[in-house]
Amino acid sequence: MIERWILNPIFADKKAIFESATKSYTDRNYIAAIKTLLTEIEGVLNSAYIAKHGKGAKIKELLGFAIQEATNKTGQPRSLFLVEGFTKYLDQNTFANFNPMQDKGTAGSRHAVGHGALLLKVIRKFVLCKQF
């Protein structure tokens, strides 16, 4: 999987990060895997956006860009490539607002994970999903 990803120049420079996250995941070290990958998603999206537009963007625009690129690639807004439900999940969880000083925001946001706040809640939810 990683070998296929790194063929894309957007992912190539992150090979070591993806390998580390994948190894953590296969070793059942889910905290390390989640913490590593969640903090990279926005960077990958921004790199793709810069490659196409020559400048960076904020997360709302990056998510819209990801949806549009998936739609352009598949020819339809709903596909297994990047389904609307997943983009809604990204918007409401992974990229939700988080204020570490007030402990406000969504536990699954990349900021909450990056700051280590409420991480156990995310891990429990993830591990429960893995059991099904």
Protein backbone atom coordinates (compact mmCIF):
# COMPACT_ATOMS: atom_id res chain seq x y z
CA MET A 1 0.00 0.00 0.00
CA ILE A 2 2.72 2.49 0.97
CA GLU A 3 4.76 1.65 -2.12
CA ARG A 4 1.76 2.63 -4.25
CA TRP A 5 1.21 5.84 -2.28
CA ILE A 6 4.78 7.06 -2.62
CA LEU A 7 4.58 6.90 -6.40
CA ASN A 8 2.58 10.11 -5.99
CA PRO A 9 4.98 13.03 -5.37
CA ILE A 10 2.58 14.47 -2.77
CA PHE A 11 3.16 11.39 -0.57
CA ALA A 12 6.77 10.53 -1.50
CA ASP A 13 8.48 12.70 1.10
CA LYS A 14 6.28 11.22 3.84
CA LYS A 15 7.28 7.61 3.25
CA ALA A 16 9.04 7.21 6.62
CA ILE A 17 6.03 8.68 8.43
CA PHE A 18 3.57 6.35 6.68
CA GLU A 19 5.80 3.33 7.31
CA SER A 20 6.04 4.19 10.98
CA ALA A 21 2.27 4.65 11.28
CA THR A 22 1.57 1.41 9.41
CA LYS A 23 4.03 -0.52 11.58
CA SER A 24 2.44 0.94 14.69
CA TYR A 25 -0.98 -0.13 13.44
CA THR A 26 0.07 -3.70 12.59
CA ASP A 27 1.79 -3.89 15.98
CA ARG A 28 -1.58 -2.92 17.53
CA ASN A 29 -0.08 0.33 18.78
CA TYR A 30 -3.18 2.26 17.74
CA ILE A 31 -2.36 5.40 19.71
CA ALA A 32 0.88 5.92 17.78
CA ALA A 33 -0.78 5.06 14.46
CA ILE A 34 -3.67 7.49 14.95
CA LYS A 35 -1.52 10.27 16.34
CA THR A 36 0.92 9.95 13.46
CA LEU A 37 -1.61 9.80 10.64
CA LEU A 38 -4.11 12.38 11.88
CA THR A 39 -1.46 15.04 12.08
CA GLU A 40 -0.38 14.38 8.47
CA ILE A 41 -3.74 14.55 6.67
CA GLU A 42 -3.93 18.33 6.42
CA GLY A 43 -0.32 18.52 5.22
CA VAL A 44 -0.99 16.04 2.42
CA LEU A 45 -4.12 17.91 1.35
CA ASN A 46 -2.29 21.23 1.43
CA SER A 47 0.61 19.83 -0.63
CA ALA A 48 -1.84 18.63 -3.28
CA TYR A 49 -3.60 22.01 -3.24
CA ILE A 50 -0.31 23.90 -3.61
CA ALA A 51 0.75 21.63 -6.50
CA LYS A 52 -2.44 22.56 -8.34
CA HIS A 53 -2.96 26.19 -7.29
CA GLY A 54 0.52 27.43 -6.36
CA LYS A 55 -0.53 28.50 -2.86
CA GLY A 56 -1.85 26.94 0.34
CA ALA A 57 -5.35 27.10 1.79
CA LYS A 58 -7.23 26.71 5.07
CA ILE A 59 -8.81 23.37 5.96
CA LYS A 60 -12.38 24.13 4.81
CA GLU A 61 -11.07 24.96 1.35
CA LEU A 62 -8.78 21.92 1.41
CA LEU A 63 -11.70 19.60 2.18
CA GLY A 64 -13.72 21.15 -0.65
CA PHE A 65 -10.72 20.67 -2.91
CA ALA A 66 -10.41 17.00 -1.91
CA ILE A 67 -14.10 16.41 -2.65
CA GLN A 68 -13.82 18.15 -6.02
CA GLU A 69 -10.70 16.20 -6.97
CA ALA A 70 -12.40 12.91 -6.05
CA THR A 71 -15.45 13.92 -8.07
CA ASN A 72 -13.27 14.86 -11.05
CA LYS A 73 -11.41 11.56 -10.85
CA THR A 74 -14.49 9.34 -10.57
CA GLY A 75 -16.98 11.43 -12.53
CA GLN A 76 -19.49 11.45 -9.69
CA PRO A 77 -19.78 13.06 -6.26
CA ARG A 78 -20.59 9.77 -4.54
CA SER A 79 -18.11 6.96 -4.97
CA LEU A 80 -15.96 4.68 -2.87
CA PHE A 81 -13.04 6.95 -3.72
CA LEU A 82 -14.12 9.68 -1.28
CA VAL A 83 -17.71 9.29 -0.19
CA GLU A 84 -19.70 12.25 1.10
CA GLY A 85 -20.19 10.58 4.48
CA PHE A 86 -16.44 10.33 4.95
CA THR A 87 -15.88 13.97 4.06
CA LYS A 88 -18.60 14.91 6.55
CA TYR A 89 -16.78 12.81 9.16
CA LEU A 90 -13.51 14.58 8.36
CA ASP A 91 -15.18 17.98 8.66
CA GLN A 92 -17.02 17.24 11.91
CA ASN A 93 -14.38 15.13 13.66
CA THR A 94 -10.89 15.05 12.25
CA PHE A 95 -10.82 18.75 11.35
CA ALA A 96 -13.21 20.01 14.01
CA ASN A 97 -12.29 23.03 16.06
CA PHE A 98 -10.38 22.46 19.27
CA ASN A 99 -9.21 24.89 21.93
CA PRO A 100 -6.61 23.24 24.19
CA MET A 101 -6.81 26.05 26.74
CA GLN A 102 -10.56 25.59 27.26
CA ASP A 103 -10.72 21.85 26.52
CA LYS A 104 -13.37 22.56 23.91
CA GLY A 105 -13.82 20.89 20.57
CA THR A 106 -14.14 17.41 19.24
CA ALA A 107 -12.01 14.70 20.82
CA GLY A 108 -11.15 13.28 17.41
CA SER A 109 -9.90 16.51 15.89
CA ARG A 110 -6.33 16.56 14.72
CA HIS A 111 -5.66 19.42 17.15
CA ALA A 112 -7.03 17.43 20.08
CA VAL A 113 -4.99 14.40 19.04
CA GLY A 114 -1.89 16.49 18.37
CA HIS A 115 -2.14 18.10 21.79
CA GLY A 116 -2.87 14.75 23.42
CA ALA A 117 -6.21 15.98 24.78
CA LEU A 118 -9.02 13.47 25.05
CA LEU A 119 -6.97 10.92 23.10
CA LEU A 120 -8.18 7.92 25.07
CA LYS A 121 -11.76 8.65 24.01
CA VAL A 122 -10.69 8.50 20.37
CA ILE A 123 -8.68 5.32 20.89
CA ARG A 124 -11.57 3.56 22.64
CA LYS A 125 -13.92 4.51 19.80
CA PHE A 126 -11.41 3.33 17.21
CA VAL A 127 -10.70 0.02 18.95
CA LEU A 128 -14.43 -0.62 19.32
CA CYS A 129 -14.86 -0.11 15.58
CA LYS A 130 -12.03 -2.56 14.90
CA GLN A 131 -13.85 -5.29 16.83
CA PHE A 132 -16.69 -5.43 14.29
